[in-house]
Amino acid sequence: MPIELLVANESAMHRVPANSETHFKIVVVTEKFDAQRLVHRHQMIYKILSEELAGPVHALALHTYSPSEWEARDAAVAASPNCRGG
């Protein structure tokens, strides 16, 4: 069970049709990430979301933290950059 979970549809920040669901940002904080390398954390998320990722999702920004990492960041994640394509 995640301590923190944020799923944000950032499609509106990109040049896509209105109401698209193609670009997402996910923030997950869980004890399961303790002592796990970043690549393994991402693989865990990809496995959970494999069905969703087989569809129209074009971009997925993953921010994965252990509770101590999240606390060290003051429970904050950087804003996503503007899309260069518009």
PDB file of N, CA and C in Angstrom:
ATOM      1  N   MET A   1       0.845  -1.182   0.000  1.00  0.00           N
ATOM      2  CA  MET A   1       0.000   0.000   0.000  1.00  0.00           C
ATOM      3  C   MET A   1       0.887   1.241   0.000  1.00  0.00           C
ATOM      4  N   PRO A   2       0.707   2.129  -0.957  1.00  0.00           N
ATOM      5  CA  PRO A   2       1.522   3.343  -1.004  1.00  0.00           C
ATOM      6  C   PRO A   2       1.186   4.293   0.142  1.00  0.00           C
ATOM      7  N   ILE A   3       2.202   4.998   0.576  1.00  0.00           N
ATOM      8  CA  ILE A   3       2.018   6.056   1.565  1.00  0.00           C
ATOM      9  C   ILE A   3       1.491   7.302   0.851  1.00  0.00           C
ATOM     10  N   GLU A   4       1.967   7.492  -0.356  1.00  0.00           N
ATOM     11  CA  GLU A   4       1.551   8.629  -1.187  1.00  0.00           C
ATOM     12  C   GLU A   4       1.393   8.118  -2.604  1.00  0.00           C
ATOM     13  N   LEU A   5       0.322   8.540  -3.275  1.00  0.00           N
ATOM     14  CA  LEU A   5       0.083   8.164  -4.663  1.00  0.00           C
ATOM     15  C   LEU A   5      -0.573   9.338  -5.361  1.00  0.00           C
ATOM     16  N   LEU A   6       0.060   9.788  -6.421  1.00  0.00           N
ATOM     17  CA  LEU A   6      -0.486  10.871  -7.234  1.00  0.00           C
ATOM     18  C   LEU A   6      -0.435  10.430  -8.687  1.00  0.00           C
ATOM     19  N   VAL A   7      -1.554  10.526  -9.362  1.00  0.00           N
ATOM     20  CA  VAL A   7      -1.626  10.254 -10.795  1.00  0.00           C
ATOM     21  C   VAL A   7      -2.178  11.515 -11.443  1.00  0.00           C
ATOM     22  N   ALA A   8      -1.365  12.145 -12.284  1.00  0.00           N
ATOM     23  CA  ALA A   8      -1.775  13.386 -12.934  1.00  0.00           C
ATOM     24  C   ALA A   8      -1.783  13.206 -14.446  1.00  0.00           C
ATOM     25  N   ASN A   9      -2.895  13.559 -15.058  1.00  0.00           N
ATOM     26  CA  ASN A   9      -3.001  13.544 -16.511  1.00  0.00           C
ATOM     27  C   ASN A   9      -2.422  14.868 -17.000  1.00  0.00           C
ATOM     28  N   GLU A  10      -1.267  14.809 -17.627  1.00  0.00           N
ATOM     29  CA  GLU A  10      -0.593  16.011 -18.111  1.00  0.00           C
ATOM     30  C   GLU A  10      -0.745  16.177 -19.626  1.00  0.00           C
ATOM     31  N   SER A  11      -1.721  15.519 -20.196  1.00  0.00           N
ATOM     32  CA  SER A  11      -1.927  15.561 -21.642  1.00  0.00           C
ATOM     33  C   SER A  11      -2.181  16.982 -22.144  1.00  0.00           C
ATOM     34  N   ALA A  12      -2.853  17.788 -21.344  1.00  0.00           N
ATOM     35  CA  ALA A  12      -3.165  19.160 -21.762  1.00  0.00           C
ATOM     36  C   ALA A  12      -1.908  20.004 -21.963  1.00  0.00           C
ATOM     37  N   MET A  13      -0.780  19.555 -21.429  1.00  0.00           N
ATOM     38  CA  MET A  13       0.484  20.267 -21.583  1.00  0.00           C
ATOM     39  C   MET A  13       1.150  19.935 -22.920  1.00  0.00           C
ATOM     40  N   HIS A  14       0.519  19.100 -23.710  1.00  0.00           N
ATOM     41  CA  HIS A  14       1.104  18.616 -24.960  1.00  0.00           C
ATOM     42  C   HIS A  14       0.168  18.894 -26.130  1.00  0.00           C
ATOM     43  N   ARG A  15       0.689  18.769 -27.306  1.00  0.00           N
ATOM     44  CA  ARG A  15      -0.111  19.001 -28.509  1.00  0.00           C
ATOM     45  C   ARG A  15      -0.879  17.717 -28.848  1.00  0.00           C
ATOM     46  N   VAL A  16      -1.999  17.561 -28.170  1.00  0.00           N
ATOM     47  CA  VAL A  16      -2.867  16.400 -28.373  1.00  0.00           C
ATOM     48  C   VAL A  16      -4.313  16.889 -28.403  1.00  0.00           C
ATOM     49  N   PRO A  17      -5.235  16.081 -28.899  1.00  0.00           N
ATOM     50  CA  PRO A  17      -6.640  16.500 -28.900  1.00  0.00           C
ATOM     51  C   PRO A  17      -7.155  16.770 -27.479  1.00  0.00           C
ATOM     52  N   ALA A  18      -8.126  17.634 -27.373  1.00  0.00           N
ATOM     53  CA  ALA A  18      -8.743  17.943 -26.077  1.00  0.00           C
ATOM     54  C   ALA A  18      -9.228  16.666 -25.401  1.00  0.00           C
ATOM     55  N   ASN A  19      -9.126  16.641 -24.092  1.00  0.00           N
ATOM     56  CA  ASN A  19      -9.574  15.510 -23.261  1.00  0.00           C
ATOM     57  C   ASN A  19      -8.783  14.226 -23.505  1.00  0.00           C
ATOM     58  N   SER A  20      -7.569  14.351 -24.027  1.00  0.00           N
ATOM     59  CA  SER A  20      -6.725  13.168 -24.238  1.00  0.00           C
ATOM     60  C   SER A  20      -6.243  12.605 -22.910  1.00  0.00           C
ATOM     61  N   GLU A  21      -5.914  11.355 -22.931  1.00  0.00           N
ATOM     62  CA  GLU A  21      -5.322  10.672 -21.781  1.00  0.00           C
ATOM     63  C   GLU A  21      -4.103   9.919 -22.286  1.00  0.00           C
ATOM     64  N   THR A  22      -3.073  10.688 -22.640  1.00  0.00           N
ATOM     65  CA  THR A  22      -1.886  10.108 -23.271  1.00  0.00           C
ATOM     66  C   THR A  22      -0.588  10.372 -22.515  1.00  0.00           C
ATOM     67  N   HIS A  23      -0.563  11.392 -21.670  1.00  0.00           N
ATOM     68  CA  HIS A  23       0.656  11.789 -20.955  1.00  0.00           C
ATOM     69  C   HIS A  23       0.351  11.856 -19.454  1.00  0.00           C
ATOM     70  N   PHE A  24       1.073  11.059 -18.671  1.00  0.00           N
ATOM     71  CA  PHE A  24       0.793  10.984 -17.244  1.00  0.00           C
ATOM     72  C   PHE A  24       2.056  11.141 -16.411  1.00  0.00           C
ATOM     73  N   LYS A  25       1.849  11.662 -15.211  1.00  0.00           N
ATOM     74  CA  LYS A  25       2.888  11.737 -14.193  1.00  0.00           C
ATOM     75  C   LYS A  25       2.368  10.937 -13.002  1.00  0.00           C
ATOM     76  N   ILE A  26       3.214  10.048 -12.503  1.00  0.00           N
ATOM     77  CA  ILE A  26       2.843   9.234 -11.349  1.00  0.00           C
ATOM     78  C   ILE A  26       3.914   9.408 -10.272  1.00  0.00           C
ATOM     79  N   VAL A  27       3.451   9.719  -9.069  1.00  0.00           N
ATOM     80  CA  VAL A  27       4.324   9.799  -7.899  1.00  0.00           C
ATOM     81  C   VAL A  27       3.888   8.695  -6.947  1.00  0.00           C
ATOM     82  N   VAL A  28       4.837   7.838  -6.573  1.00  0.00           N
ATOM     83  CA  VAL A  28       4.538   6.742  -5.647  1.00  0.00           C
ATOM     84  C   VAL A  28       5.579   6.745  -4.536  1.00  0.00           C
ATOM     85  N   VAL A  29       5.081   6.719  -3.299  1.00  0.00           N
ATOM     86  CA  VAL A  29       5.953   6.609  -2.133  1.00  0.00           C
ATOM     87  C   VAL A  29       5.516   5.358  -1.373  1.00  0.00           C
ATOM     88  N   THR A  30       6.435   4.427  -1.217  1.00  0.00           N
ATOM     89  CA  THR A  30       6.106   3.188  -0.510  1.00  0.00           C
ATOM     90  C   THR A  30       7.359   2.575   0.116  1.00  0.00           C
ATOM     91  N   GLU A  31       7.150   1.873   1.193  1.00  0.00           N
ATOM     92  CA  GLU A  31       8.246   1.165   1.855  1.00  0.00           C
ATOM     93  C   GLU A  31       8.811   0.061   0.958  1.00  0.00           C
ATOM     94  N   LYS A  32       8.023  -0.392  -0.002  1.00  0.00           N
ATOM     95  CA  LYS A  32       8.501  -1.428  -0.926  1.00  0.00           C
ATOM     96  C   LYS A  32       9.693  -0.945  -1.753  1.00  0.00           C
ATOM     97  N   PHE A  33       9.885   0.378  -1.827  1.00  0.00           N
ATOM     98  CA  PHE A  33      11.011   0.919  -2.585  1.00  0.00           C
ATOM     99  C   PHE A  33      12.285   1.033  -1.758  1.00  0.00           C
ATOM    100  N   ASP A  34      12.215   0.754  -0.464  1.00  0.00           N
ATOM    101  CA  ASP A  34      13.421   0.766   0.367  1.00  0.00           C
ATOM    102  C   ASP A  34      14.448  -0.194  -0.224  1.00  0.00           C
ATOM    103  N   ALA A  35      15.654   0.283  -0.408  1.00  0.00           N
ATOM    104  CA  ALA A  35      16.781  -0.523  -0.896  1.00  0.00           C
ATOM    105  C   ALA A  35      16.572  -1.058  -2.321  1.00  0.00           C
ATOM    106  N   GLN A  36      15.627  -0.498  -3.062  1.00  0.00           N
ATOM    107  CA  GLN A  36      15.409  -0.915  -4.447  1.00  0.00           C
ATOM    108  C   GLN A  36      16.032   0.117  -5.388  1.00  0.00           C
ATOM    109  N   ARG A  37      16.728  -0.360  -6.399  1.00  0.00           N
ATOM    110  CA  ARG A  37      17.272   0.557  -7.402  1.00  0.00           C
ATOM    111  C   ARG A  37      16.135   1.159  -8.213  1.00  0.00           C
ATOM    112  N   LEU A  38      16.397   2.320  -8.766  1.00  0.00           N
ATOM    113  CA  LEU A  38      15.381   3.052  -9.528  1.00  0.00           C
ATOM    114  C   LEU A  38      14.799   2.194 -10.648  1.00  0.00           C
ATOM    115  N   VAL A  39      15.647   1.499 -11.369  1.00  0.00           N
ATOM    116  CA  VAL A  39      15.169   0.680 -12.491  1.00  0.00           C
ATOM    117  C   VAL A  39      14.206  -0.401 -11.996  1.00  0.00           C
ATOM    118  N   HIS A  40      14.471  -0.992 -10.850  1.00  0.00           N
ATOM    119  CA  HIS A  40      13.583  -2.021 -10.314  1.00  0.00           C
ATOM    120  C   HIS A  40      12.250  -1.413  -9.886  1.00  0.00           C
ATOM    121  N   ARG A  41      12.288  -0.228  -9.302  1.00  0.00           N
ATOM    122  CA  ARG A  41      11.054   0.455  -8.920  1.00  0.00           C
ATOM    123  C   ARG A  41      10.171   0.682 -10.153  1.00  0.00           C
ATOM    124  N   HIS A  42      10.800   1.167 -11.220  1.00  0.00           N
ATOM    125  CA  HIS A  42      10.048   1.431 -12.446  1.00  0.00           C
ATOM    126  C   HIS A  42       9.502   0.135 -13.047  1.00  0.00           C
ATOM    127  N   GLN A  43      10.282  -0.918 -13.005  1.00  0.00           N
ATOM    128  CA  GLN A  43       9.811  -2.207 -13.515  1.00  0.00           C
ATOM    129  C   GLN A  43       8.592  -2.691 -12.747  1.00  0.00           C
ATOM    130  N   MET A  44       8.580  -2.440 -11.443  1.00  0.00           N
ATOM    131  CA  MET A  44       7.425  -2.822 -10.621  1.00  0.00           C
ATOM    132  C   MET A  44       6.169  -2.081 -11.079  1.00  0.00           C
ATOM    133  N   ILE A  45       6.308  -0.786 -11.343  1.00  0.00           N
ATOM    134  CA  ILE A  45       5.174   0.022 -11.787  1.00  0.00           C
ATOM    135  C   ILE A  45       4.720  -0.412 -13.182  1.00  0.00           C
ATOM    136  N   TYR A  46       5.689  -0.630 -14.087  1.00  0.00           N
ATOM    137  CA  TYR A  46       5.341  -1.070 -15.446  1.00  0.00           C
ATOM    138  C   TYR A  46       4.558  -2.380 -15.417  1.00  0.00           C
ATOM    139  N   LYS A  47       4.941  -3.278 -14.532  1.00  0.00           N
ATOM    140  CA  LYS A  47       4.246  -4.558 -14.430  1.00  0.00           C
ATOM    141  C   LYS A  47       2.805  -4.355 -13.968  1.00  0.00           C
ATOM    142  N   ILE A  48       2.613  -3.506 -12.985  1.00  0.00           N
ATOM    143  CA  ILE A  48       1.276  -3.233 -12.468  1.00  0.00           C
ATOM    144  C   ILE A  48       0.401  -2.579 -13.536  1.00  0.00           C
ATOM    145  N   LEU A  49       1.002  -1.692 -14.327  1.00  0.00           N
ATOM    146  CA  LEU A  49       0.245  -0.922 -15.325  1.00  0.00           C
ATOM    147  C   LEU A  49       0.349  -1.487 -16.741  1.00  0.00           C
ATOM    148  N   SER A  50       0.785  -2.710 -16.892  1.00  0.00           N
ATOM    149  CA  SER A  50       1.035  -3.258 -18.223  1.00  0.00           C
ATOM    150  C   SER A  50      -0.185  -3.160 -19.143  1.00  0.00           C
ATOM    151  N   GLU A  51      -1.356  -3.411 -18.627  1.00  0.00           N
ATOM    152  CA  GLU A  51      -2.567  -3.348 -19.455  1.00  0.00           C
ATOM    153  C   GLU A  51      -2.843  -1.910 -19.912  1.00  0.00           C
ATOM    154  N   GLU A  52      -2.710  -0.954 -18.998  1.00  0.00           N
ATOM    155  CA  GLU A  52      -2.946   0.449 -19.340  1.00  0.00           C
ATOM    156  C   GLU A  52      -1.901   0.958 -20.325  1.00  0.00           C
ATOM    157  N   LEU A  53      -0.659   0.509 -20.154  1.00  0.00           N
ATOM    158  CA  LEU A  53       0.421   0.977 -21.021  1.00  0.00           C
ATOM    159  C   LEU A  53       0.346   0.370 -22.418  1.00  0.00           C
ATOM    160  N   ALA A  54      -0.440  -0.665 -22.592  1.00  0.00           N
ATOM    161  CA  ALA A  54      -0.610  -1.269 -23.910  1.00  0.00           C
ATOM    162  C   ALA A  54      -1.566  -0.452 -24.767  1.00  0.00           C
ATOM    163  N   GLY A  55      -2.232   0.521 -24.148  1.00  0.00           N
ATOM    164  CA  GLY A  55      -3.215   1.337 -24.861  1.00  0.00           C
ATOM    165  C   GLY A  55      -2.629   2.644 -25.340  1.00  0.00           C
ATOM    166  N   PRO A  56      -3.397   3.706 -25.204  1.00  0.00           N
ATOM    167  CA  PRO A  56      -3.029   4.985 -25.812  1.00  0.00           C
ATOM    168  C   PRO A  56      -2.015   5.819 -25.030  1.00  0.00           C
ATOM    169  N   VAL A  57      -1.482   5.311 -23.920  1.00  0.00           N
ATOM    170  CA  VAL A  57      -0.520   6.102 -23.150  1.00  0.00           C
ATOM    171  C   VAL A  57       0.744   6.290 -23.972  1.00  0.00           C
ATOM    172  N   HIS A  58       1.114   7.542 -24.171  1.00  0.00           N
ATOM    173  CA  HIS A  58       2.292   7.883 -24.966  1.00  0.00           C
ATOM    174  C   HIS A  58       3.502   8.178 -24.082  1.00  0.00           C
ATOM    175  N   ALA A  59       3.267   8.797 -22.922  1.00  0.00           N
ATOM    176  CA  ALA A  59       4.372   9.184 -22.046  1.00  0.00           C
ATOM    177  C   ALA A  59       3.978   8.965 -20.597  1.00  0.00           C
ATOM    178  N   LEU A  60       4.945   8.472 -19.824  1.00  0.00           N
ATOM    179  CA  LEU A  60       4.714   8.205 -18.417  1.00  0.00           C
ATOM    180  C   LEU A  60       5.936   8.672 -17.640  1.00  0.00           C
ATOM    181  N   ALA A  61       5.757   9.676 -16.798  1.00  0.00           N
ATOM    182  CA  ALA A  61       6.831  10.177 -15.941  1.00  0.00           C
ATOM    183  C   ALA A  61       6.657   9.544 -14.567  1.00  0.00           C
ATOM    184  N   LEU A  62       7.623   8.744 -14.166  1.00  0.00           N
ATOM    185  CA  LEU A  62       7.546   8.058 -12.872  1.00  0.00           C
ATOM    186  C   LEU A  62       8.462   8.734 -11.863  1.00  0.00           C
ATOM    187  N   HIS A  63       7.915   9.006 -10.692  1.00  0.00           N
ATOM    188  CA  HIS A  63       8.669   9.559  -9.574  1.00  0.00           C
ATOM    189  C   HIS A  63       8.436   8.597  -8.416  1.00  0.00           C
ATOM    190  N   THR A  64       9.436   7.785  -8.112  1.00  0.00           N
ATOM    191  CA  THR A  64       9.283   6.715  -7.132  1.00  0.00           C
ATOM    192  C   THR A  64      10.233   6.948  -5.967  1.00  0.00           C
ATOM    193  N   TYR A  65       9.681   6.940  -4.756  1.00  0.00           N
ATOM    194  CA  TYR A  65      10.471   7.258  -3.570  1.00  0.00           C
ATOM    195  C   TYR A  65      10.172   6.307  -2.428  1.00  0.00           C
ATOM    196  N   SER A  66      11.192   6.056  -1.624  1.00  0.00           N
ATOM    197  CA  SER A  66      10.997   5.397  -0.340  1.00  0.00           C
ATOM    198  C   SER A  66      10.504   6.479   0.622  1.00  0.00           C
ATOM    199  N   PRO A  67       9.931   6.108   1.749  1.00  0.00           N
ATOM    200  CA  PRO A  67       9.464   7.127   2.697  1.00  0.00           C
ATOM    201  C   PRO A  67      10.579   8.089   3.146  1.00  0.00           C
ATOM    202  N   SER A  68      11.776   7.579   3.374  1.00  0.00           N
ATOM    203  CA  SER A  68      12.868   8.464   3.808  1.00  0.00           C
ATOM    204  C   SER A  68      13.297   9.415   2.692  1.00  0.00           C
ATOM    205  N   GLU A  69      13.283   8.948   1.451  1.00  0.00           N
ATOM    206  CA  GLU A  69      13.600   9.826   0.314  1.00  0.00           C
ATOM    207  C   GLU A  69      12.538  10.914   0.164  1.00  0.00           C
ATOM    208  N   TRP A  70      11.292  10.545   0.340  1.00  0.00           N
ATOM    209  CA  TRP A  70      10.181  11.486   0.224  1.00  0.00           C
ATOM    210  C   TRP A  70      10.280  12.558   1.314  1.00  0.00           C
ATOM    211  N   GLU A  71      10.580  12.114   2.517  1.00  0.00           N
ATOM    212  CA  GLU A  71      10.738  13.052   3.625  1.00  0.00           C
ATOM    213  C   GLU A  71      11.901  14.007   3.367  1.00  0.00           C
ATOM    214  N   ALA A  72      13.003  13.499   2.830  1.00  0.00           N
ATOM    215  CA  ALA A  72      14.168  14.331   2.526  1.00  0.00           C
ATOM    216  C   ALA A  72      13.848  15.374   1.453  1.00  0.00           C
ATOM    217  N   ARG A  73      12.869  15.102   0.613  1.00  0.00           N
ATOM    218  CA  ARG A  73      12.440  16.042  -0.431  1.00  0.00           C
ATOM    219  C   ARG A  73      11.360  16.986   0.079  1.00  0.00           C
ATOM    220  N   ASP A  74      11.038  16.902   1.356  1.00  0.00           N
ATOM    221  CA  ASP A  74       9.948  17.687   1.948  1.00  0.00           C
ATOM    222  C   ASP A  74       8.621  17.397   1.265  1.00  0.00           C
ATOM    223  N   ALA A  75       8.430  16.139   0.887  1.00  0.00           N
ATOM    224  CA  ALA A  75       7.182  15.676   0.257  1.00  0.00           C
ATOM    225  C   ALA A  75       6.819  16.496  -0.975  1.00  0.00           C
ATOM    226  N   ALA A  76       7.828  16.796  -1.775  1.00  0.00           N
ATOM    227  CA  ALA A  76       7.594  17.604  -2.971  1.00  0.00           C
ATOM    228  C   ALA A  76       8.241  16.957  -4.190  1.00  0.00           C
ATOM    229  N   VAL A  77       7.612  17.131  -5.321  1.00  0.00           N
ATOM    230  CA  VAL A  77       8.151  16.647  -6.588  1.00  0.00           C
ATOM    231  C   VAL A  77       8.214  17.839  -7.544  1.00  0.00           C
ATOM    232  N   ALA A  78       9.229  17.851  -8.369  1.00  0.00           N
ATOM    233  CA  ALA A  78       9.414  18.950  -9.306  1.00  0.00           C
ATOM    234  C   ALA A  78       8.267  19.002 -10.312  1.00  0.00           C
ATOM    235  N   ALA A  79       7.962  20.203 -10.744  1.00  0.00           N
ATOM    236  CA  ALA A  79       6.946  20.381 -11.782  1.00  0.00           C
ATOM    237  C   ALA A  79       7.470  19.815 -13.096  1.00  0.00           C
ATOM    238  N   SER A  80       6.584  19.308 -13.896  1.00  0.00           N
ATOM    239  CA  SER A  80       6.958  18.785 -15.197  1.00  0.00           C
ATOM    240  C   SER A  80       7.334  19.929 -16.131  1.00  0.00           C
ATOM    241  N   PRO A  81       8.309  19.710 -16.987  1.00  0.00           N
ATOM    242  CA  PRO A  81       8.699  20.759 -17.925  1.00  0.00           C
ATOM    243  C   PRO A  81       7.636  20.955 -19.002  1.00  0.00           C
ATOM    244  N   ASN A  82       7.643  22.131 -19.599  1.00  0.00           N
ATOM    245  CA  ASN A  82       6.736  22.385 -20.712  1.00  0.00           C
ATOM    246  C   ASN A  82       7.144  21.519 -21.897  1.00  0.00           C
ATOM    247  N   CYS A  83       6.169  21.081 -22.640  1.00  0.00           N
ATOM    248  CA  CYS A  83       6.422  20.275 -23.818  1.00  0.00           C
ATOM    249  C   CYS A  83       7.046  21.140 -24.914  1.00  0.00           C
ATOM    250  N   ARG A  84       8.108  20.670 -25.496  1.00  0.00           N
ATOM    251  CA  ARG A  84       8.763  21.427 -26.578  1.00  0.00           C
ATOM    252  C   ARG A  84       7.952  21.411 -27.862  1.00  0.00           C
ATOM    253  N   GLY A  85       7.065  20.425 -27.975  1.00  0.00           N
ATOM    254  CA  GLY A  85       6.266  20.315 -29.189  1.00  0.00           C
ATOM    255  C   GLY A  85       5.022  21.195 -29.174  1.00  0.00           C
ATOM    256  N   GLY A  86       4.770  21.866 -28.090  1.00  0.00           N
ATOM    257  CA  GLY A  86       3.610  22.764 -28.036  1.00  0.00           C
ATOM    258  C   GLY A  86       2.649  22.456 -26.951  1.00  0.00           C
TER     259      GLY A  86
END
